[in-house]
Amino acid sequence: MKRNLQCYFDIEIEKQICKDYINGEGGATYLKNKYNAKTVSTIYSILKAYNIPRRNLSDARRIAANYSIDETCFTNYNDAETCYWLGVMYTDGYLSKTSDYTNYFGISVQESDEEWLNKFKKYLKYTGEIHHYKVGNSGYKPGTPYVRLQVGNNKIVKNLETLGVVEHKTKIINSIPK
């Protein structure tokens, strides 16, 4: 049975599409392909019909990259651990805002400090990867190995900005929360 004559799928399949979307199985493009829908708009129309809000950009990115993170970190800085990591973000962290969709924060350190970076990952409850690199020819000590934890998340970037962390912050800290 269909909701109305214009519907592409029957109600049971529409409900399964909604369930898959809510459970983060994939985005609209993935679901379009999985259920052989004509267009992505078909999937969005189904979500709208069942009053399921579309994901924000951070949620979409997290699902596409297949990681989880606690987006409430850096919202309350009344505990010592949050204050510690906020201080780290002021000094050694960075924000990168290249567009409305791509807002990142992260920390890069020498490879011998990877265990310390894993503690930051644990604080964030982040399930993504720490990446290994070598300094390029134009960088400080070419060939030196380093590790980076970089996360794309608009909510956390906004929280960090609210707390005074700024992009390109070298020698520019506007305020520290009291």
Protein backbone atom coordinates (compact mmCIF):
# COMPACT_ATOMS: atom_id res chain seq x y z
CA MET A 1 0.00 0.00 0.00
CA LYS A 2 1.27 3.47 -0.89
CA ARG A 3 0.74 6.75 0.97
CA ASN A 4 -0.73 8.23 -2.22
CA LEU A 5 -0.72 7.59 -5.96
CA GLN A 6 2.40 9.72 -6.58
CA CYS A 7 4.56 7.67 -4.20
CA TYR A 8 7.32 5.58 -5.74
CA PHE A 9 7.55 3.06 -2.86
CA ASP A 10 5.02 1.37 -0.66
CA ILE A 11 4.72 2.42 2.98
CA GLU A 12 6.82 -0.45 4.38
CA ILE A 13 9.79 0.38 2.14
CA GLU A 14 9.44 4.08 2.96
CA LYS A 15 9.56 3.25 6.66
CA GLN A 16 12.68 1.14 6.09
CA ILE A 17 14.32 4.02 4.21
CA CYS A 18 13.52 6.31 7.16
CA LYS A 19 14.89 3.77 9.63
CA ASP A 20 18.11 3.37 7.62
CA TYR A 21 18.54 7.15 7.46
CA ILE A 22 17.91 7.63 11.20
CA ASN A 23 20.34 4.82 12.04
CA GLY A 24 23.02 6.50 9.94
CA GLU A 25 23.28 3.68 7.42
CA GLY A 26 23.98 6.23 4.75
CA GLY A 27 23.01 9.51 3.21
CA ALA A 28 20.34 10.19 0.64
CA THR A 29 22.59 9.22 -2.29
CA TYR A 30 23.46 5.91 -0.67
CA LEU A 31 19.77 5.20 0.06
CA LYS A 32 18.78 6.21 -3.49
CA ASN A 33 21.18 3.59 -4.84
CA LYS A 34 20.27 0.95 -2.24
CA TYR A 35 16.53 1.20 -2.95
CA ASN A 36 16.84 2.01 -6.68
CA ALA A 37 15.02 5.32 -6.32
CA LYS A 38 14.85 7.56 -9.37
CA THR A 39 16.47 10.58 -7.69
CA VAL A 40 17.88 11.76 -4.38
CA SER A 41 14.85 14.06 -4.19
CA THR A 42 12.68 10.95 -3.87
CA ILE A 43 14.53 10.05 -0.67
CA TYR A 44 14.28 13.60 0.68
CA SER A 45 10.55 13.66 -0.10
CA ILE A 46 10.06 10.47 1.90
CA LEU A 47 11.99 11.88 4.87
CA LYS A 48 9.93 15.06 4.71
CA ALA A 49 6.66 13.10 4.57
CA TYR A 50 7.62 11.30 7.80
CA ASN A 51 8.85 14.52 9.47
CA ILE A 52 12.45 13.32 9.65
CA PRO A 53 14.83 16.30 9.64
CA ARG A 54 17.72 16.31 7.22
CA ARG A 55 21.15 15.99 8.74
CA ASN A 56 23.29 19.01 9.39
CA LEU A 57 26.66 19.20 7.67
CA SER A 58 28.60 17.80 10.62
CA ASP A 59 26.31 14.79 10.88
CA ALA A 60 26.52 14.12 7.15
CA ARG A 61 30.32 14.35 7.21
CA ARG A 62 30.58 12.04 10.22
CA ILE A 63 28.40 9.40 8.58
CA ALA A 64 30.23 9.67 5.25
CA ALA A 65 33.61 9.33 6.99
CA ASN A 66 32.29 6.59 9.30
CA TYR A 67 33.41 7.91 12.68
CA SER A 68 31.78 9.04 15.90
CA ILE A 69 32.64 11.88 18.27
CA ASP A 70 31.19 13.55 21.35
CA GLU A 71 29.95 16.87 20.02
CA THR A 72 29.37 18.15 23.56
CA CYS A 73 33.10 18.38 24.28
CA PHE A 74 34.18 21.99 24.74
CA THR A 75 30.63 23.07 25.67
CA ASN A 76 31.25 23.03 29.41
CA TYR A 77 34.69 23.98 30.68
CA ASN A 78 34.06 23.50 34.40
CA ASP A 79 36.11 20.31 34.60
CA ALA A 80 39.89 20.03 34.64
CA GLU A 81 40.16 17.75 31.61
CA THR A 82 38.22 20.10 29.34
CA CYS A 83 40.27 23.07 30.57
CA TYR A 84 43.48 21.15 29.87
CA TRP A 85 42.47 20.28 26.29
CA LEU A 86 41.15 23.79 25.70
CA GLY A 87 44.58 25.11 26.73
CA VAL A 88 46.17 22.68 24.28
CA MET A 89 43.90 23.97 21.52
CA TYR A 90 44.95 27.55 22.37
CA THR A 91 48.63 26.68 22.13
CA ASP A 92 49.13 23.73 19.79
CA GLY A 93 45.75 23.14 18.15
CA TYR A 94 44.35 24.66 15.01
CA LEU A 95 41.07 25.46 13.29
CA SER A 96 40.66 25.34 9.54
CA LYS A 97 37.58 26.92 8.00
CA THR A 98 37.81 26.52 4.25
CA SER A 99 34.05 26.64 3.59
CA ASP A 100 30.71 26.28 5.36
CA TYR A 101 30.94 22.53 4.84
CA THR A 102 34.57 21.95 5.71
CA ASN A 103 35.41 23.18 9.20
CA TYR A 104 38.16 21.24 10.94
CA PHE A 105 40.04 21.29 14.20
CA GLY A 106 43.09 19.31 15.12
CA ILE A 107 46.51 18.90 16.62
CA SER A 108 49.77 17.83 14.96
CA VAL A 109 52.70 16.63 17.07
CA GLN A 110 55.94 14.76 16.62
CA GLU A 111 55.52 11.03 16.23
CA SER A 112 56.97 10.28 19.69
CA ASP A 113 53.95 12.11 21.21
CA GLU A 114 51.37 9.84 19.57
CA GLU A 115 50.29 8.36 22.91
CA TRP A 116 49.52 11.87 24.20
CA LEU A 117 47.49 12.52 21.05
CA ASN A 118 45.58 9.29 21.76
CA LYS A 119 44.55 10.81 25.09
CA PHE A 120 43.02 13.74 23.20
CA LYS A 121 41.26 11.26 20.93
CA LYS A 122 39.88 9.50 24.02
CA TYR A 123 38.68 12.82 25.49
CA LEU A 124 36.82 13.53 22.24
CA LYS A 125 35.41 9.97 22.18
CA TYR A 126 36.58 10.01 18.58
CA THR A 127 36.62 6.73 16.66
CA GLY A 128 38.49 8.03 13.60
CA GLU A 129 42.15 7.59 12.88
CA ILE A 130 45.32 9.40 13.84
CA HIS A 131 47.31 9.88 10.64
CA HIS A 132 51.07 9.57 10.18
CA TYR A 133 53.05 11.94 7.96
CA LYS A 134 56.56 13.16 7.24
CA VAL A 135 57.47 16.83 7.05
CA GLY A 136 57.81 17.90 3.42
CA ASN A 137 60.84 19.52 1.82
CA SER A 138 59.59 23.03 2.53
CA GLY A 139 58.79 22.40 6.18
CA TYR A 140 60.67 22.30 9.46
CA LYS A 141 63.30 19.50 9.39
CA PRO A 142 62.23 17.74 6.16
CA GLY A 143 61.52 14.03 6.55
CA THR A 144 60.70 14.29 10.27
CA PRO A 145 57.76 11.99 11.13
CA TYR A 146 54.72 13.51 12.83
CA VAL A 147 51.15 12.52 13.67
CA ARG A 148 47.92 14.47 13.24
CA LEU A 149 44.44 14.19 14.63
CA GLN A 150 42.18 16.27 12.41
CA VAL A 151 38.39 16.18 12.74
CA GLY A 152 35.77 17.81 10.56
CA ASN A 153 32.96 18.97 12.83
CA ASN A 154 31.16 22.30 12.56
CA LYS A 155 29.65 22.13 16.07
CA ILE A 156 32.95 21.60 17.85
CA VAL A 157 34.69 24.25 15.73
CA LYS A 158 31.94 26.69 16.68
CA ASN A 159 32.29 25.73 20.37
CA LEU A 160 36.05 26.31 20.20
CA GLU A 161 35.55 29.69 18.52
CA THR A 162 33.07 30.68 21.23
CA LEU A 163 35.79 29.86 23.77
CA GLY A 164 38.34 32.05 21.99
CA VAL A 165 40.22 29.63 19.75
CA VAL A 166 40.71 31.32 16.39
CA GLU A 167 41.88 30.27 12.97
CA HIS A 168 45.49 31.26 12.18
CA LYS A 169 45.93 31.96 15.89
CA THR A 170 49.70 32.20 16.05
CA LYS A 171 50.29 35.00 18.56
CA ILE A 172 46.57 35.99 18.36
CA ILE A 173 44.46 34.86 21.28
CA ASN A 174 41.55 37.24 21.72
CA SER A 175 40.11 35.95 24.98
CA ILE A 176 40.26 33.11 27.45
CA PRO A 177 37.01 32.12 29.24
CA LYS A 178 36.83 32.99 32.93
